[in-house]
Amino acid sequence: MLTIGITGGSGSGKTFFLQGLSARFSNDQMCLISQDNYYKPRDQQPIDENGIKNFDLPVSIDRDLFLQDLLKLKAGQDVIKKEYTYNNPAAQPKQLVFKSAPIIVVEGLFVQYFEEIAKQLDLKVFIEAKDHVKLGRRIRRDQVERGYDLDDVLYRYQYHVMPVYESLIEPLKHYADLVIPNNSNFNKALEVFITYLSSKL
C-alpha cells in the first residue's frame, strides 16, 4: 500500500490534480480522501476580531477523526463520511464512501502540517502557484461552490488564507518529495506522476 499526501495553498490546484488522478485509476486501485470533509461544525469554528469565522486554521479541522479514518483505510477498512458543505444552503450533503485501495491519496491544506498525518505518508507532493493565480481560482470556487460574496472572499484571503499559508504551509515545500508548479497547467507533471503510480500497482 502506498500513501500519498498532496498539499499546497488555497487555489493552487490540489482538487484539479486529484480529479486528474481519479480519472485514470479505478476505485479498486486508488482511494482519494480530502481534508475538506473533516472541518469541525460551523459553531466550533474560530472567530477573528471582526466576528468572521476562520476556516483556514489547523484548529478548524477535526484532525483526530481525520487520522482515525486514514488509519482505517490503511488497515483495509472502508470509511463512510458525510460531505461538508460549508455555509451553502443550496448544497445537499452527500454520503461519501471511501473504499480502501492499494494507493491512498490524502489531500488538503494541513495534511503535511499535521505531524501525525505526515508520518503516515510515503510520498509528499506540494502544488504551488503564484498568489494572484490562487486568488482568482479561490474567488471562482468560493462564489460558486460555497456561496460567499466577493467582499467576503477577498477579506478571508487577505486576513485568513495568506497569513496561514505564509507561516505554516509554504515552508512545507522544502520538505516535500515533489513540488509541482501550477500557474497555467500541470498536465505533463500529472502524466509523469500517473506513470509512476501505475508502476506501483
Protein backbone atom coordinates (compact mmCIF):
# COMPACT_ATOMS: atom_id res chain seq x y z
CA MET A 1 0.00 0.00 0.00
CA LEU A 2 1.25 3.47 -0.95
CA THR A 3 0.01 6.58 0.91
CA ILE A 4 0.47 9.97 -0.78
CA GLY A 5 -0.15 13.40 0.72
CA ILE A 6 -0.93 16.31 -1.59
CA THR A 7 -0.87 19.86 -0.24
CA GLY A 8 -0.40 23.45 -1.39
CA GLY A 9 -2.01 26.85 -0.90
CA SER A 10 -5.71 27.50 -1.36
CA GLY A 11 -6.31 27.79 -5.10
CA SER A 12 -3.07 26.06 -6.06
CA GLY A 13 -4.96 23.30 -7.89
CA LYS A 14 -5.00 20.41 -5.41
CA THR A 15 -8.57 19.42 -6.25
CA PHE A 16 -7.91 19.63 -10.00
CA PHE A 17 -4.86 17.43 -9.57
CA LEU A 18 -6.95 14.87 -7.70
CA GLN A 19 -9.59 14.90 -10.41
CA GLY A 20 -6.86 14.18 -12.97
CA LEU A 21 -5.69 11.23 -10.90
CA SER A 22 -9.14 9.82 -10.25
CA ALA A 23 -9.92 9.87 -13.98
CA ARG A 24 -7.03 7.47 -14.60
CA PHE A 25 -7.45 4.99 -11.74
CA SER A 26 -10.41 2.89 -10.63
CA ASN A 27 -11.80 2.80 -7.09
CA ASP A 28 -10.17 -0.61 -6.68
CA GLN A 29 -6.76 0.95 -7.41
CA MET A 30 -6.92 4.32 -5.66
CA CYS A 31 -8.77 5.95 -2.77
CA LEU A 32 -8.91 9.75 -2.62
CA ILE A 33 -9.68 11.36 0.73
CA SER A 34 -9.85 15.12 1.30
CA GLN A 35 -9.31 17.18 4.42
CA ASP A 36 -12.22 19.36 3.22
CA ASN A 37 -14.67 16.82 4.63
CA TYR A 38 -13.11 16.98 8.11
CA TYR A 39 -13.89 20.53 9.13
CA LYS A 40 -15.43 20.86 12.57
CA PRO A 41 -19.09 22.05 12.67
CA ARG A 42 -19.61 25.75 11.95
CA ASP A 43 -20.42 26.56 15.57
CA GLN A 44 -17.00 25.21 16.60
CA GLN A 45 -15.00 27.28 14.11
CA PRO A 46 -12.69 30.01 15.50
CA ILE A 47 -13.80 33.62 15.04
CA ASP A 48 -11.46 36.53 14.24
CA GLU A 49 -11.53 40.01 15.82
CA ASN A 50 -14.20 41.12 13.32
CA GLY A 51 -16.52 38.22 14.10
CA ILE A 52 -15.73 36.30 10.89
CA LYS A 53 -15.37 32.52 11.10
CA ASN A 54 -11.87 31.39 10.11
CA PHE A 55 -11.81 28.03 8.30
CA ASP A 56 -8.10 28.34 7.47
CA LEU A 57 -6.52 27.42 10.80
CA PRO A 58 -5.30 23.99 11.91
CA VAL A 59 -7.85 24.01 14.76
CA SER A 60 -10.64 24.23 12.15
CA ILE A 61 -10.03 20.59 11.26
CA ASP A 62 -11.08 17.51 13.23
CA ARG A 63 -7.60 16.08 12.98
CA ASP A 64 -8.31 13.16 15.32
CA LEU A 65 -11.13 11.87 13.10
CA PHE A 66 -9.05 12.55 10.00
CA LEU A 67 -6.22 10.38 11.34
CA GLN A 68 -8.64 7.72 12.57
CA ASP A 69 -10.21 7.36 9.13
CA LEU A 70 -6.84 7.34 7.37
CA LEU A 71 -5.64 4.53 9.64
CA LYS A 72 -8.83 2.59 8.90
CA LEU A 73 -8.20 2.87 5.17
CA LYS A 74 -4.59 1.76 5.60
CA ALA A 75 -5.86 -1.22 7.58
CA GLY A 76 -8.11 -2.24 4.68
CA GLN A 77 -11.38 -0.90 6.11
CA ASP A 78 -13.84 1.31 4.22
CA VAL A 79 -14.91 4.70 5.61
CA ILE A 80 -18.34 6.37 5.33
CA LYS A 81 -18.45 10.15 5.83
CA LYS A 82 -20.99 12.91 5.22
CA GLU A 83 -19.85 15.62 2.81
CA TYR A 84 -19.03 19.02 4.37
CA THR A 85 -20.93 21.85 2.64
CA TYR A 86 -19.62 24.97 4.49
CA ASN A 87 -22.40 27.59 4.52
CA ASN A 88 -24.00 26.86 1.18
CA PRO A 89 -27.74 26.30 1.87
CA ALA A 90 -28.29 25.11 -1.70
CA ALA A 91 -25.87 22.21 -1.30
CA GLN A 92 -27.29 18.86 -0.23
CA PRO A 93 -24.57 16.92 1.61
CA LYS A 94 -23.79 13.56 0.03
CA GLN A 95 -22.93 10.34 1.80
CA LEU A 96 -19.31 9.70 0.84
CA VAL A 97 -17.86 6.19 0.78
CA PHE A 98 -14.08 5.82 0.81
CA LYS A 99 -13.01 2.33 -0.20
CA SER A 100 -9.59 1.10 0.89
CA ALA A 101 -7.22 0.61 -2.06
CA PRO A 102 -3.53 -0.09 -2.83
CA ILE A 103 -2.95 3.65 -3.35
CA ILE A 104 -4.38 6.12 -0.83
CA VAL A 105 -4.19 9.82 -1.70
CA VAL A 106 -4.76 12.28 1.15
CA GLU A 107 -5.36 15.88 0.08
CA GLY A 108 -5.65 19.13 1.99
CA LEU A 109 -4.07 22.26 3.38
CA PHE A 110 -2.74 20.63 6.55
CA VAL A 111 -2.04 17.01 5.53
CA GLN A 112 1.71 17.60 5.75
CA TYR A 113 1.47 20.12 8.59
CA PHE A 114 -0.22 17.68 10.99
CA GLU A 115 2.71 15.54 12.16
CA GLU A 116 0.56 12.51 12.90
CA ILE A 117 -0.79 12.58 9.32
CA ALA A 118 2.60 13.34 7.76
CA LYS A 119 4.08 10.26 9.48
CA GLN A 120 1.60 8.08 7.57
CA LEU A 121 2.69 9.42 4.16
CA ASP A 122 5.09 7.54 1.89
CA LEU A 123 5.27 10.42 -0.60
CA LYS A 124 4.70 14.16 -0.09
CA VAL A 125 3.59 16.29 -3.06
CA PHE A 126 3.41 20.10 -2.91
CA ILE A 127 1.49 22.03 -5.59
CA GLU A 128 2.31 25.72 -5.86
CA ALA A 129 1.10 28.72 -7.87
CA LYS A 130 1.58 32.47 -7.83
CA ASP A 131 -0.57 34.41 -5.38
CA HIS A 132 -2.67 36.24 -7.98
CA VAL A 133 -3.41 32.94 -9.74
CA LYS A 134 -4.52 31.31 -6.49
CA LEU A 135 -6.71 34.31 -5.63
CA GLY A 136 -8.53 34.13 -8.98
CA ARG A 137 -9.23 30.45 -8.51
CA ARG A 138 -10.35 31.00 -4.91
CA ILE A 139 -12.82 33.69 -5.99
CA ARG A 140 -14.39 31.41 -8.59
CA ARG A 141 -14.63 28.47 -6.20
CA ASP A 142 -15.95 30.30 -3.14
CA GLN A 143 -18.58 32.27 -5.01
CA VAL A 144 -19.93 29.30 -6.95
CA GLU A 145 -19.48 26.35 -4.58
CA ARG A 146 -19.60 27.91 -1.12
CA GLY A 147 -21.95 30.85 -1.55
CA TYR A 148 -19.58 33.64 -0.40
CA ASP A 149 -19.82 37.13 -1.93
CA LEU A 150 -16.72 38.83 -3.38
CA ASP A 151 -16.01 41.07 -0.38
CA ASP A 152 -16.13 38.05 1.90
CA VAL A 153 -13.77 36.07 -0.35
CA LEU A 154 -11.24 38.93 -0.52
CA TYR A 155 -11.40 39.52 3.23
CA ARG A 156 -10.78 35.85 4.01
CA TYR A 157 -7.94 35.66 1.51
CA GLN A 158 -6.12 38.66 2.98
CA TYR A 159 -6.68 38.01 6.68
CA HIS A 160 -7.12 34.23 6.92
CA VAL A 161 -5.69 32.42 3.89
CA MET A 162 -2.41 34.23 3.20
CA PRO A 163 -1.12 34.59 6.79
CA VAL A 164 -1.59 30.85 7.40
CA TYR A 165 -0.11 29.92 4.02
CA GLU A 166 2.98 32.07 4.53
CA SER A 167 3.63 30.94 8.11
CA LEU A 168 2.54 27.27 8.14
CA ILE A 169 2.06 25.86 4.63
CA GLU A 170 4.67 27.40 2.32
CA PRO A 171 7.61 26.22 4.49
CA LEU A 172 6.42 22.61 3.95
CA LYS A 173 7.50 22.92 0.31
CA HIS A 174 11.11 22.44 1.40
CA TYR A 175 10.28 19.04 2.91
CA ALA A 176 8.19 17.73 0.01
CA ASP A 177 9.39 14.89 -2.20
CA LEU A 178 7.88 16.51 -5.29
CA VAL A 179 6.99 20.16 -5.99
CA ILE A 180 4.65 20.80 -8.94
CA PRO A 181 4.18 24.36 -10.29
CA ASN A 182 0.66 25.13 -11.50
CA ASN A 183 0.43 28.69 -12.78
CA SER A 184 -1.09 27.61 -16.08
CA ASN A 185 -1.37 23.81 -16.00
CA PHE A 186 0.35 20.72 -14.67
CA ASN A 187 -0.55 18.29 -17.44
CA LYS A 188 2.96 16.96 -18.05
CA ALA A 189 3.70 16.61 -14.36
CA LEU A 190 0.39 14.79 -13.89
CA GLU A 191 1.27 12.35 -16.67
CA VAL A 192 4.66 11.62 -15.10
CA PHE A 193 3.01 11.10 -11.71
CA ILE A 194 0.37 8.78 -13.18
CA THR A 195 3.10 6.71 -14.86
CA TYR A 196 4.93 6.41 -11.54
CA LEU A 197 1.81 5.33 -9.66
CA SER A 198 0.87 2.83 -12.36
CA SER A 199 4.27 1.18 -11.88
CA LYS A 200 3.44 0.65 -8.20
CA LEU A 201 0.23 -1.30 -8.83
